[in-house]
Amino acid sequence: MTLDSRGRIADASVMKELQWTPGLRLSIRERRGLIVVSADEQGVFKVTKEGHVRLPAVVRQWCGLTAGDRVLIVAETGSARLAVYPPAKLDEMITQTHDAVFGGDHE
């Protein structure tokens, strides 16, 4: 998925899977390089009237995200959460796995 200039996640299939509708309150946090979006009655953010999740600028800055960046999004339906994996986190995870499998030999 590609982020637009406003940091919107506009994947209708994910929103449908999570059963998130416009106006639903959300909490958005950064955790260990991931962005975690959760349904939260006390949350200060909301699903937009168009059915999008907008990642706040401060969260995008923490994770080094800019408009046009591609991210991996994973819906955790059982816990009504959305995990957003920025490119830097994916690179880190792939490198760690590669090192574990090949002993750090990158040739």
PDB file of N, CA and C in Angstrom:
ATOM      1  N   MET A   1       0.829  -1.163   0.000  1.00  0.00           N
ATOM      2  CA  MET A   1       0.000   0.000   0.000  1.00  0.00           C
ATOM      3  C   MET A   1       0.878   1.232   0.000  1.00  0.00           C
ATOM      4  N   THR A   2       0.474   2.269  -0.711  1.00  0.00           N
ATOM      5  CA  THR A   2       1.248   3.502  -0.800  1.00  0.00           C
ATOM      6  C   THR A   2       0.567   4.600   0.004  1.00  0.00           C
ATOM      7  N   LEU A   3       1.363   5.291   0.834  1.00  0.00           N
ATOM      8  CA  LEU A   3       0.827   6.424   1.604  1.00  0.00           C
ATOM      9  C   LEU A   3       0.711   7.643   0.707  1.00  0.00           C
ATOM     10  N   ASP A   4      -0.363   8.389   0.859  1.00  0.00           N
ATOM     11  CA  ASP A   4      -0.482   9.635   0.108  1.00  0.00           C
ATOM     12  C   ASP A   4       0.100  10.786   0.935  1.00  0.00           C
ATOM     13  N   SER A   5      -0.011  11.992   0.443  1.00  0.00           N
ATOM     14  CA  SER A   5       0.594  13.158   1.106  1.00  0.00           C
ATOM     15  C   SER A   5      -0.013  13.452   2.475  1.00  0.00           C
ATOM     16  N   ARG A   6      -1.183  12.917   2.748  1.00  0.00           N
ATOM     17  CA  ARG A   6      -1.828  13.131   4.050  1.00  0.00           C
ATOM     18  C   ARG A   6      -1.679  11.929   4.985  1.00  0.00           C
ATOM     19  N   GLY A   7      -0.909  10.939   4.565  1.00  0.00           N
ATOM     20  CA  GLY A   7      -0.676   9.777   5.401  1.00  0.00           C
ATOM     21  C   GLY A   7      -1.875   8.852   5.501  1.00  0.00           C
ATOM     22  N   ARG A   8      -2.706   8.847   4.477  1.00  0.00           N
ATOM     23  CA  ARG A   8      -3.925   8.038   4.535  1.00  0.00           C
ATOM     24  C   ARG A   8      -3.694   6.590   4.117  1.00  0.00           C
ATOM     25  N   ILE A   9      -4.330   5.711   4.850  1.00  0.00           N
ATOM     26  CA  ILE A   9      -4.426   4.300   4.501  1.00  0.00           C
ATOM     27  C   ILE A   9      -5.827   4.123   3.948  1.00  0.00           C
ATOM     28  N   ALA A  10      -5.900   3.833   2.666  1.00  0.00           N
ATOM     29  CA  ALA A  10      -7.191   3.789   1.990  1.00  0.00           C
ATOM     30  C   ALA A  10      -7.418   2.429   1.345  1.00  0.00           C
ATOM     31  N   ASP A  11      -7.369   1.382   2.143  1.00  0.00           N
ATOM     32  CA  ASP A  11      -7.591   0.035   1.637  1.00  0.00           C
ATOM     33  C   ASP A  11      -8.943  -0.460   2.136  1.00  0.00           C
ATOM     34  N   ALA A  12      -9.935  -0.427   1.264  1.00  0.00           N
ATOM     35  CA  ALA A  12     -11.305  -0.778   1.651  1.00  0.00           C
ATOM     36  C   ALA A  12     -11.422  -2.215   2.140  1.00  0.00           C
ATOM     37  N   SER A  13     -10.642  -3.129   1.571  1.00  0.00           N
ATOM     38  CA  SER A  13     -10.754  -4.528   1.984  1.00  0.00           C
ATOM     39  C   SER A  13     -10.285  -4.717   3.424  1.00  0.00           C
ATOM     40  N   VAL A  14      -9.254  -3.993   3.826  1.00  0.00           N
ATOM     41  CA  VAL A  14      -8.769  -4.080   5.205  1.00  0.00           C
ATOM     42  C   VAL A  14      -9.797  -3.484   6.163  1.00  0.00           C
ATOM     43  N   MET A  15     -10.354  -2.350   5.793  1.00  0.00           N
ATOM     44  CA  MET A  15     -11.359  -1.708   6.647  1.00  0.00           C
ATOM     45  C   MET A  15     -12.582  -2.601   6.808  1.00  0.00           C
ATOM     46  N   LYS A  16     -12.964  -3.257   5.730  1.00  0.00           N
ATOM     47  CA  LYS A  16     -14.106  -4.172   5.786  1.00  0.00           C
ATOM     48  C   LYS A  16     -13.779  -5.368   6.678  1.00  0.00           C
ATOM     49  N   GLU A  17     -12.588  -5.927   6.526  1.00  0.00           N
ATOM     50  CA  GLU A  17     -12.173  -7.086   7.324  1.00  0.00           C
ATOM     51  C   GLU A  17     -12.171  -6.749   8.820  1.00  0.00           C
ATOM     52  N   LEU A  18     -11.718  -5.539   9.162  1.00  0.00           N
ATOM     53  CA  LEU A  18     -11.682  -5.105  10.561  1.00  0.00           C
ATOM     54  C   LEU A  18     -13.053  -4.634  11.060  1.00  0.00           C
ATOM     55  N   GLN A  19     -13.985  -4.452  10.132  1.00  0.00           N
ATOM     56  CA  GLN A  19     -15.314  -3.927  10.427  1.00  0.00           C
ATOM     57  C   GLN A  19     -15.231  -2.506  10.997  1.00  0.00           C
ATOM     58  N   TRP A  20     -14.300  -1.718  10.439  1.00  0.00           N
ATOM     59  CA  TRP A  20     -14.136  -0.322  10.841  1.00  0.00           C
ATOM     60  C   TRP A  20     -14.954   0.553   9.902  1.00  0.00           C
ATOM     61  N   THR A  21     -15.763   1.407  10.468  1.00  0.00           N
ATOM     62  CA  THR A  21     -16.629   2.286   9.702  1.00  0.00           C
ATOM     63  C   THR A  21     -16.296   3.747  10.007  1.00  0.00           C
ATOM     64  N   PRO A  22     -16.716   4.662   9.124  1.00  0.00           N
ATOM     65  CA  PRO A  22     -16.430   6.083   9.366  1.00  0.00           C
ATOM     66  C   PRO A  22     -16.897   6.521  10.754  1.00  0.00           C
ATOM     67  N   GLY A  23     -16.040   7.315  11.398  1.00  0.00           N
ATOM     68  CA  GLY A  23     -16.346   7.845  12.726  1.00  0.00           C
ATOM     69  C   GLY A  23     -15.826   6.988  13.870  1.00  0.00           C
ATOM     70  N   LEU A  24     -15.411   5.744  13.599  1.00  0.00           N
ATOM     71  CA  LEU A  24     -14.881   4.882  14.658  1.00  0.00           C
ATOM     72  C   LEU A  24     -13.640   5.531  15.265  1.00  0.00           C
ATOM     73  N   ARG A  25     -13.607   5.596  16.584  1.00  0.00           N
ATOM     74  CA  ARG A  25     -12.461   6.188  17.287  1.00  0.00           C
ATOM     75  C   ARG A  25     -11.303   5.202  17.318  1.00  0.00           C
ATOM     76  N   LEU A  26     -10.090   5.770  17.177  1.00  0.00           N
ATOM     77  CA  LEU A  26      -8.878   4.975  17.083  1.00  0.00           C
ATOM     78  C   LEU A  26      -7.779   5.530  17.971  1.00  0.00           C
ATOM     79  N   SER A  27      -6.905   4.651  18.409  1.00  0.00           N
ATOM     80  CA  SER A  27      -5.636   5.087  18.992  1.00  0.00           C
ATOM     81  C   SER A  27      -4.558   4.696  17.984  1.00  0.00           C
ATOM     82  N   ILE A  28      -3.554   5.548  17.849  1.00  0.00           N
ATOM     83  CA  ILE A  28      -2.461   5.296  16.912  1.00  0.00           C
ATOM     84  C   ILE A  28      -1.165   5.507  17.673  1.00  0.00           C
ATOM     85  N   ARG A  29      -0.335   4.463  17.692  1.00  0.00           N
ATOM     86  CA  ARG A  29       0.917   4.516  18.445  1.00  0.00           C
ATOM     87  C   ARG A  29       2.050   3.901  17.636  1.00  0.00           C
ATOM     88  N   GLU A  30       3.250   4.340  17.952  1.00  0.00           N
ATOM     89  CA  GLU A  30       4.451   3.727  17.396  1.00  0.00           C
ATOM     90  C   GLU A  30       4.984   2.765  18.435  1.00  0.00           C
ATOM     91  N   ARG A  31       5.295   1.549  18.014  1.00  0.00           N
ATOM     92  CA  ARG A  31       5.857   0.538  18.927  1.00  0.00           C
ATOM     93  C   ARG A  31       6.946  -0.227  18.205  1.00  0.00           C
ATOM     94  N   ARG A  32       8.166  -0.051  18.679  1.00  0.00           N
ATOM     95  CA  ARG A  32       9.320  -0.768  18.117  1.00  0.00           C
ATOM     96  C   ARG A  32       9.419  -0.629  16.604  1.00  0.00           C
ATOM     97  N   GLY A  33       9.131   0.548  16.100  1.00  0.00           N
ATOM     98  CA  GLY A  33       9.246   0.802  14.672  1.00  0.00           C
ATOM     99  C   GLY A  33       8.005   0.505  13.866  1.00  0.00           C
ATOM    100  N   LEU A  34       6.995  -0.080  14.486  1.00  0.00           N
ATOM    101  CA  LEU A  34       5.716  -0.337  13.812  1.00  0.00           C
ATOM    102  C   LEU A  34       4.722   0.734  14.216  1.00  0.00           C
ATOM    103  N   ILE A  35       3.732   0.935  13.382  1.00  0.00           N
ATOM    104  CA  ILE A  35       2.614   1.792  13.743  1.00  0.00           C
ATOM    105  C   ILE A  35       1.448   0.862  14.043  1.00  0.00           C
ATOM    106  N   VAL A  36       0.880   1.002  15.236  1.00  0.00           N
ATOM    107  CA  VAL A  36      -0.229   0.148  15.659  1.00  0.00           C
ATOM    108  C   VAL A  36      -1.473   1.025  15.788  1.00  0.00           C
ATOM    109  N   VAL A  37      -2.497   0.667  15.034  1.00  0.00           N
ATOM    110  CA  VAL A  37      -3.768   1.390  15.042  1.00  0.00           C
ATOM    111  C   VAL A  37      -4.808   0.460  15.657  1.00  0.00           C
ATOM    112  N   SER A  38      -5.490   0.940  16.702  1.00  0.00           N
ATOM    113  CA  SER A  38      -6.471   0.107  17.409  1.00  0.00           C
ATOM    114  C   SER A  38      -7.791   0.841  17.542  1.00  0.00           C
ATOM    115  N   ALA A  39      -8.887   0.082  17.455  1.00  0.00           N
ATOM    116  CA  ALA A  39     -10.195   0.637  17.789  1.00  0.00           C
ATOM    117  C   ALA A  39     -10.168   0.967  19.280  1.00  0.00           C
ATOM    118  N   ASP A  40     -10.590   2.179  19.629  1.00  0.00           N
ATOM    119  CA  ASP A  40     -10.493   2.634  21.020  1.00  0.00           C
ATOM    120  C   ASP A  40     -11.550   3.703  21.266  1.00  0.00           C
ATOM    121  N   GLU A  41     -12.523   3.396  22.113  1.00  0.00           N
ATOM    122  CA  GLU A  41     -13.608   4.355  22.397  1.00  0.00           C
ATOM    123  C   GLU A  41     -13.079   5.694  22.910  1.00  0.00           C
ATOM    124  N   GLN A  42     -11.919   5.686  23.543  1.00  0.00           N
ATOM    125  CA  GLN A  42     -11.316   6.911  24.080  1.00  0.00           C
ATOM    126  C   GLN A  42     -10.300   7.524  23.115  1.00  0.00           C
ATOM    127  N   GLY A  43     -10.111   6.930  21.951  1.00  0.00           N
ATOM    128  CA  GLY A  43      -9.112   7.398  20.996  1.00  0.00           C
ATOM    129  C   GLY A  43      -9.401   8.798  20.485  1.00  0.00           C
ATOM    130  N   VAL A  44      -8.342   9.518  20.166  1.00  0.00           N
ATOM    131  CA  VAL A  44      -8.490  10.889  19.671  1.00  0.00           C
ATOM    132  C   VAL A  44      -8.572  10.957  18.146  1.00  0.00           C
ATOM    133  N   PHE A  45      -8.274   9.857  17.483  1.00  0.00           N
ATOM    134  CA  PHE A  45      -8.340   9.820  16.028  1.00  0.00           C
ATOM    135  C   PHE A  45      -9.598   9.076  15.609  1.00  0.00           C
ATOM    136  N   LYS A  46     -10.005   9.269  14.341  1.00  0.00           N
ATOM    137  CA  LYS A  46     -11.215   8.618  13.835  1.00  0.00           C
ATOM    138  C   LYS A  46     -10.983   8.116  12.419  1.00  0.00           C
ATOM    139  N   VAL A  47     -11.724   7.081  12.052  1.00  0.00           N
ATOM    140  CA  VAL A  47     -11.798   6.679  10.653  1.00  0.00           C
ATOM    141  C   VAL A  47     -12.501   7.833   9.929  1.00  0.00           C
ATOM    142  N   THR A  48     -11.937   8.282   8.813  1.00  0.00           N
ATOM    143  CA  THR A  48     -12.499   9.427   8.090  1.00  0.00           C
ATOM    144  C   THR A  48     -13.853   9.088   7.484  1.00  0.00           C
ATOM    145  N   LYS A  49     -14.571  10.106   7.065  1.00  0.00           N
ATOM    146  CA  LYS A  49     -15.886   9.875   6.461  1.00  0.00           C
ATOM    147  C   LYS A  49     -15.780   9.073   5.165  1.00  0.00           C
ATOM    148  N   GLU A  50     -14.588   9.086   4.547  1.00  0.00           N
ATOM    149  CA  GLU A  50     -14.362   8.279   3.345  1.00  0.00           C
ATOM    150  C   GLU A  50     -13.961   6.844   3.683  1.00  0.00           C
ATOM    151  N   GLY A  51     -13.774   6.554   4.988  1.00  0.00           N
ATOM    152  CA  GLY A  51     -13.400   5.216   5.407  1.00  0.00           C
ATOM    153  C   GLY A  51     -11.902   4.963   5.421  1.00  0.00           C
ATOM    154  N   HIS A  52     -11.108   6.031   5.563  1.00  0.00           N
ATOM    155  CA  HIS A  52      -9.650   5.915   5.590  1.00  0.00           C
ATOM    156  C   HIS A  52      -9.123   6.102   7.005  1.00  0.00           C
ATOM    157  N   VAL A  53      -7.927   5.576   7.244  1.00  0.00           N
ATOM    158  CA  VAL A  53      -7.190   5.863   8.470  1.00  0.00           C
ATOM    159  C   VAL A  53      -6.094   6.853   8.074  1.00  0.00           C
ATOM    160  N   ARG A  54      -6.023   7.955   8.789  1.00  0.00           N
ATOM    161  CA  ARG A  54      -4.993   8.955   8.514  1.00  0.00           C
ATOM    162  C   ARG A  54      -3.950   8.888   9.617  1.00  0.00           C
ATOM    163  N   LEU A  55      -2.713   8.565   9.237  1.00  0.00           N
ATOM    164  CA  LEU A  55      -1.616   8.515  10.198  1.00  0.00           C
ATOM    165  C   LEU A  55      -1.145   9.928  10.492  1.00  0.00           C
ATOM    166  N   PRO A  56      -1.102  10.336  11.756  1.00  0.00           N
ATOM    167  CA  PRO A  56      -0.672  11.689  12.110  1.00  0.00           C
ATOM    168  C   PRO A  56       0.765  11.955  11.656  1.00  0.00           C
ATOM    169  N   ALA A  57       1.039  13.209  11.329  1.00  0.00           N
ATOM    170  CA  ALA A  57       2.369  13.595  10.850  1.00  0.00           C
ATOM    171  C   ALA A  57       3.463  13.205  11.840  1.00  0.00           C
ATOM    172  N   VAL A  58       3.222  13.398  13.128  1.00  0.00           N
ATOM    173  CA  VAL A  58       4.254  13.085  14.119  1.00  0.00           C
ATOM    174  C   VAL A  58       4.598  11.595  14.102  1.00  0.00           C
ATOM    175  N   VAL A  59       3.619  10.739  13.909  1.00  0.00           N
ATOM    176  CA  VAL A  59       3.873   9.294  13.846  1.00  0.00           C
ATOM    177  C   VAL A  59       4.634   8.966  12.567  1.00  0.00           C
ATOM    178  N   ARG A  60       4.244   9.586  11.459  1.00  0.00           N
ATOM    179  CA  ARG A  60       4.956   9.351  10.198  1.00  0.00           C
ATOM    180  C   ARG A  60       6.412   9.797  10.327  1.00  0.00           C
ATOM    181  N   GLN A  61       6.637  10.917  11.005  1.00  0.00           N
ATOM    182  CA  GLN A  61       8.010  11.411  11.199  1.00  0.00           C
ATOM    183  C   GLN A  61       8.821  10.445  12.048  1.00  0.00           C
ATOM    184  N   TRP A  62       8.241   9.928  13.141  1.00  0.00           N
ATOM    185  CA  TRP A  62       8.944   8.975  14.002  1.00  0.00           C
ATOM    186  C   TRP A  62       9.418   7.762  13.211  1.00  0.00           C
ATOM    187  N   CYS A  63       8.615   7.354  12.238  1.00  0.00           N
ATOM    188  CA  CYS A  63       8.926   6.148  11.469  1.00  0.00           C
ATOM    189  C   CYS A  63       9.601   6.456  10.140  1.00  0.00           C
ATOM    190  N   GLY A  64       9.887   7.718   9.876  1.00  0.00           N
ATOM    191  CA  GLY A  64      10.574   8.108   8.650  1.00  0.00           C
ATOM    192  C   GLY A  64       9.749   7.937   7.390  1.00  0.00           C
ATOM    193  N   LEU A  65       8.427   8.062   7.501  1.00  0.00           N
ATOM    194  CA  LEU A  65       7.546   7.886   6.347  1.00  0.00           C
ATOM    195  C   LEU A  65       7.269   9.211   5.653  1.00  0.00           C
ATOM    196  N   THR A  66       7.256   9.162   4.326  1.00  0.00           N
ATOM    197  CA  THR A  66       6.894  10.331   3.531  1.00  0.00           C
ATOM    198  C   THR A  66       5.881   9.903   2.476  1.00  0.00           C
ATOM    199  N   ALA A  67       5.262  10.890   1.851  1.00  0.00           N
ATOM    200  CA  ALA A  67       4.278  10.609   0.806  1.00  0.00           C
ATOM    201  C   ALA A  67       4.909   9.740  -0.273  1.00  0.00           C
ATOM    202  N   GLY A  68       4.171   8.748  -0.707  1.00  0.00           N
ATOM    203  CA  GLY A  68       4.640   7.850  -1.740  1.00  0.00           C
ATOM    204  C   GLY A  68       5.347   6.613  -1.215  1.00  0.00           C
ATOM    205  N   ASP A  69       5.660   6.586   0.096  1.00  0.00           N
ATOM    206  CA  ASP A  69       6.286   5.391   0.665  1.00  0.00           C
ATOM    207  C   ASP A  69       5.308   4.227   0.626  1.00  0.00           C
ATOM    208  N   ARG A  70       5.854   3.069   0.327  1.00  0.00           N
ATOM    209  CA  ARG A  70       5.040   1.851   0.363  1.00  0.00           C
ATOM    210  C   ARG A  70       5.202   1.213   1.725  1.00  0.00           C
ATOM    211  N   VAL A  71       4.094   0.775   2.306  1.00  0.00           N
ATOM    212  CA  VAL A  71       4.095   0.126   3.615  1.00  0.00           C
ATOM    213  C   VAL A  71       3.348  -1.192   3.499  1.00  0.00           C
ATOM    214  N   LEU A  72       3.659  -2.084   4.410  1.00  0.00           N
ATOM    215  CA  LEU A  72       2.910  -3.338   4.530  1.00  0.00           C
ATOM    216  C   LEU A  72       1.891  -3.129   5.632  1.00  0.00           C
ATOM    217  N   ILE A  73       0.633  -3.441   5.359  1.00  0.00           N
ATOM    218  CA  ILE A  73      -0.392  -3.335   6.390  1.00  0.00           C
ATOM    219  C   ILE A  73      -0.931  -4.733   6.685  1.00  0.00           C
ATOM    220  N   VAL A  74      -1.110  -4.995   7.977  1.00  0.00           N
ATOM    221  CA  VAL A  74      -1.592  -6.301   8.418  1.00  0.00           C
ATOM    222  C   VAL A  74      -2.758  -6.078   9.369  1.00  0.00           C
ATOM    223  N   ALA A  75      -3.906  -6.624   9.002  1.00  0.00           N
ATOM    224  CA  ALA A  75      -5.094  -6.537   9.849  1.00  0.00           C
ATOM    225  C   ALA A  75      -5.095  -7.696  10.824  1.00  0.00           C
ATOM    226  N   GLU A  76      -5.205  -7.386  12.095  1.00  0.00           N
ATOM    227  CA  GLU A  76      -5.359  -8.405  13.136  1.00  0.00           C
ATOM    228  C   GLU A  76      -6.828  -8.379  13.545  1.00  0.00           C
ATOM    229  N   THR A  77      -7.623  -9.193  12.876  1.00  0.00           N
ATOM    230  CA  THR A  77      -9.070  -9.120  13.057  1.00  0.00           C
ATOM    231  C   THR A  77      -9.517  -9.504  14.457  1.00  0.00           C
ATOM    232  N   GLY A  78      -8.859 -10.450  15.081  1.00  0.00           N
ATOM    233  CA  GLY A  78      -9.253 -10.898  16.419  1.00  0.00           C
ATOM    234  C   GLY A  78      -9.126  -9.813  17.467  1.00  0.00           C
ATOM    235  N   SER A  79      -8.165  -8.922  17.278  1.00  0.00           N
ATOM    236  CA  SER A  79      -7.953  -7.850  18.259  1.00  0.00           C
ATOM    237  C   SER A  79      -8.326  -6.483  17.701  1.00  0.00           C
ATOM    238  N   ALA A  80      -8.911  -6.444  16.505  1.00  0.00           N
ATOM    239  CA  ALA A  80      -9.329  -5.193  15.857  1.00  0.00           C
ATOM    240  C   ALA A  80      -8.190  -4.179  15.797  1.00  0.00           C
ATOM    241  N   ARG A  81      -7.019  -4.675  15.372  1.00  0.00           N
ATOM    242  CA  ARG A  81      -5.848  -3.807  15.237  1.00  0.00           C
ATOM    243  C   ARG A  81      -5.315  -3.865  13.818  1.00  0.00           C
ATOM    244  N   LEU A  82      -4.641  -2.795  13.464  1.00  0.00           N
ATOM    245  CA  LEU A  82      -3.974  -2.700  12.182  1.00  0.00           C
ATOM    246  C   LEU A  82      -2.509  -2.407  12.460  1.00  0.00           C
ATOM    247  N   ALA A  83      -1.620  -3.238  11.911  1.00  0.00           N
ATOM    248  CA  ALA A  83      -0.184  -2.997  12.039  1.00  0.00           C
ATOM    249  C   ALA A  83       0.322  -2.453  10.712  1.00  0.00           C
ATOM    250  N   VAL A  84       1.084  -1.367  10.788  1.00  0.00           N
ATOM    251  CA  VAL A  84       1.663  -0.745   9.609  1.00  0.00           C
ATOM    252  C   VAL A  84       3.177  -0.910   9.713  1.00  0.00           C
ATOM    253  N   TYR A  85       3.759  -1.585   8.737  1.00  0.00           N
ATOM    254  CA  TYR A  85       5.194  -1.855   8.709  1.00  0.00           C
ATOM    255  C   TYR A  85       5.871  -0.893   7.733  1.00  0.00           C
ATOM    256  N   PRO A  86       6.615   0.092   8.242  1.00  0.00           N
ATOM    257  CA  PRO A  86       7.357   1.008   7.364  1.00  0.00           C
ATOM    258  C   PRO A  86       8.523   0.283   6.679  1.00  0.00           C
ATOM    259  N   PRO A  87       9.033   0.813   5.574  1.00  0.00           N
ATOM    260  CA  PRO A  87      10.142   0.176   4.869  1.00  0.00           C
ATOM    261  C   PRO A  87      11.355  -0.107   5.758  1.00  0.00           C
ATOM    262  N   ALA A  88      11.715   0.816   6.634  1.00  0.00           N
ATOM    263  CA  ALA A  88      12.887   0.611   7.492  1.00  0.00           C
ATOM    264  C   ALA A  88      12.706  -0.605   8.391  1.00  0.00           C
ATOM    265  N   LYS A  89      11.501  -0.812   8.901  1.00  0.00           N
ATOM    266  CA  LYS A  89      11.233  -1.972   9.764  1.00  0.00           C
ATOM    267  C   LYS A  89      11.285  -3.265   8.955  1.00  0.00           C
ATOM    268  N   LEU A  90      10.751  -3.241   7.747  1.00  0.00           N
ATOM    269  CA  LEU A  90      10.801  -4.424   6.894  1.00  0.00           C
ATOM    270  C   LEU A  90      12.252  -4.771   6.551  1.00  0.00           C
ATOM    271  N   ASP A  91      13.064  -3.758   6.229  1.00  0.00           N
ATOM    272  CA  ASP A  91      14.484  -3.992   5.948  1.00  0.00           C
ATOM    273  C   ASP A  91      15.174  -4.633   7.150  1.00  0.00           C
ATOM    274  N   GLU A  92      14.888  -4.108   8.337  1.00  0.00           N
ATOM    275  CA  GLU A  92      15.478  -4.645   9.566  1.00  0.00           C
ATOM    276  C   GLU A  92      15.082  -6.103   9.773  1.00  0.00           C
ATOM    277  N   MET A  93      13.807  -6.401   9.595  1.00  0.00           N
ATOM    278  CA  MET A  93      13.320  -7.764   9.805  1.00  0.00           C
ATOM    279  C   MET A  93      13.932  -8.729   8.790  1.00  0.00           C
ATOM    280  N   ILE A  94      14.026  -8.304   7.541  1.00  0.00           N
ATOM    281  CA  ILE A  94      14.591  -9.161   6.500  1.00  0.00           C
ATOM    282  C   ILE A  94      16.073  -9.407   6.776  1.00  0.00           C
ATOM    283  N   THR A  95      16.797  -8.361   7.169  1.00  0.00           N
ATOM    284  CA  THR A  95      18.223  -8.506   7.481  1.00  0.00           C
ATOM    285  C   THR A  95      18.433  -9.460   8.644  1.00  0.00           C
ATOM    286  N   GLN A  96      17.625  -9.327   9.700  1.00  0.00           N
ATOM    287  CA  GLN A  96      17.751 -10.223  10.854  1.00  0.00           C
ATOM    288  C   GLN A  96      17.491 -11.673  10.463  1.00  0.00           C
ATOM    289  N   THR A  97      16.477 -11.902   9.661  1.00  0.00           N
ATOM    290  CA  THR A  97      16.164 -13.259   9.221  1.00  0.00           C
ATOM    291  C   THR A  97      17.285 -13.802   8.335  1.00  0.00           C
ATOM    292  N   HIS A  98      17.755 -12.981   7.414  1.00  0.00           N
ATOM    293  CA  HIS A  98      18.846 -13.393   6.531  1.00  0.00           C
ATOM    294  C   HIS A  98      20.074 -13.765   7.351  1.00  0.00           C
ATOM    295  N   ASP A  99      20.423 -12.916   8.319  1.00  0.00           N
ATOM    296  CA  ASP A  99      21.585 -13.185   9.172  1.00  0.00           C
ATOM    297  C   ASP A  99      21.399 -14.472   9.975  1.00  0.00           C
ATOM    298  N   ALA A 100      20.194 -14.719  10.455  1.00  0.00           N
ATOM    299  CA  ALA A 100      19.930 -15.940  11.221  1.00  0.00           C
ATOM    300  C   ALA A 100      20.068 -17.189  10.344  1.00  0.00           C
ATOM    301  N   VAL A 101      19.634 -17.086   9.117  1.00  0.00           N
ATOM    302  CA  VAL A 101      19.678 -18.237   8.210  1.00  0.00           C
ATOM    303  C   VAL A 101      21.076 -18.446   7.640  1.00  0.00           C
ATOM    304  N   PHE A 102      21.738 -17.342   7.235  1.00  0.00           N
ATOM    305  CA  PHE A 102      23.004 -17.438   6.547  1.00  0.00           C
ATOM    306  C   PHE A 102      24.207 -16.991   7.384  1.00  0.00           C
ATOM    307  N   GLY A 103      23.994 -16.750   8.665  1.00  0.00           N
ATOM    308  CA  GLY A 103      25.100 -16.399   9.548  1.00  0.00           C
ATOM    309  C   GLY A 103      25.732 -15.059   9.267  1.00  0.00           C
ATOM    310  N   GLY A 104      24.938 -14.117   8.756  1.00  0.00           N
ATOM    311  CA  GLY A 104      25.459 -12.774   8.524  1.00  0.00           C
ATOM    312  C   GLY A 104      26.233 -12.646   7.235  1.00  0.00           C
ATOM    313  N   ASP A 105      26.312 -13.716   6.445  1.00  0.00           N
ATOM    314  CA  ASP A 105      27.039 -13.686   5.185  1.00  0.00           C
ATOM    315  C   ASP A 105      26.109 -13.163   4.098  1.00  0.00           C
ATOM    316  N   HIS A 106      26.357 -11.937   3.632  1.00  0.00           N
ATOM    317  CA  HIS A 106      25.455 -11.274   2.685  1.00  0.00           C
ATOM    318  C   HIS A 106      25.893 -11.450   1.222  1.00  0.00           C
ATOM    319  N   GLU A 107      26.677 -12.444   0.926  1.00  0.00           N
ATOM    320  CA  GLU A 107      27.123 -12.626  -0.460  1.00  0.00           C
ATOM    321  C   GLU A 107      26.187 -13.507  -1.227  1.00  0.00           C
TER     322      GLU A 107
END
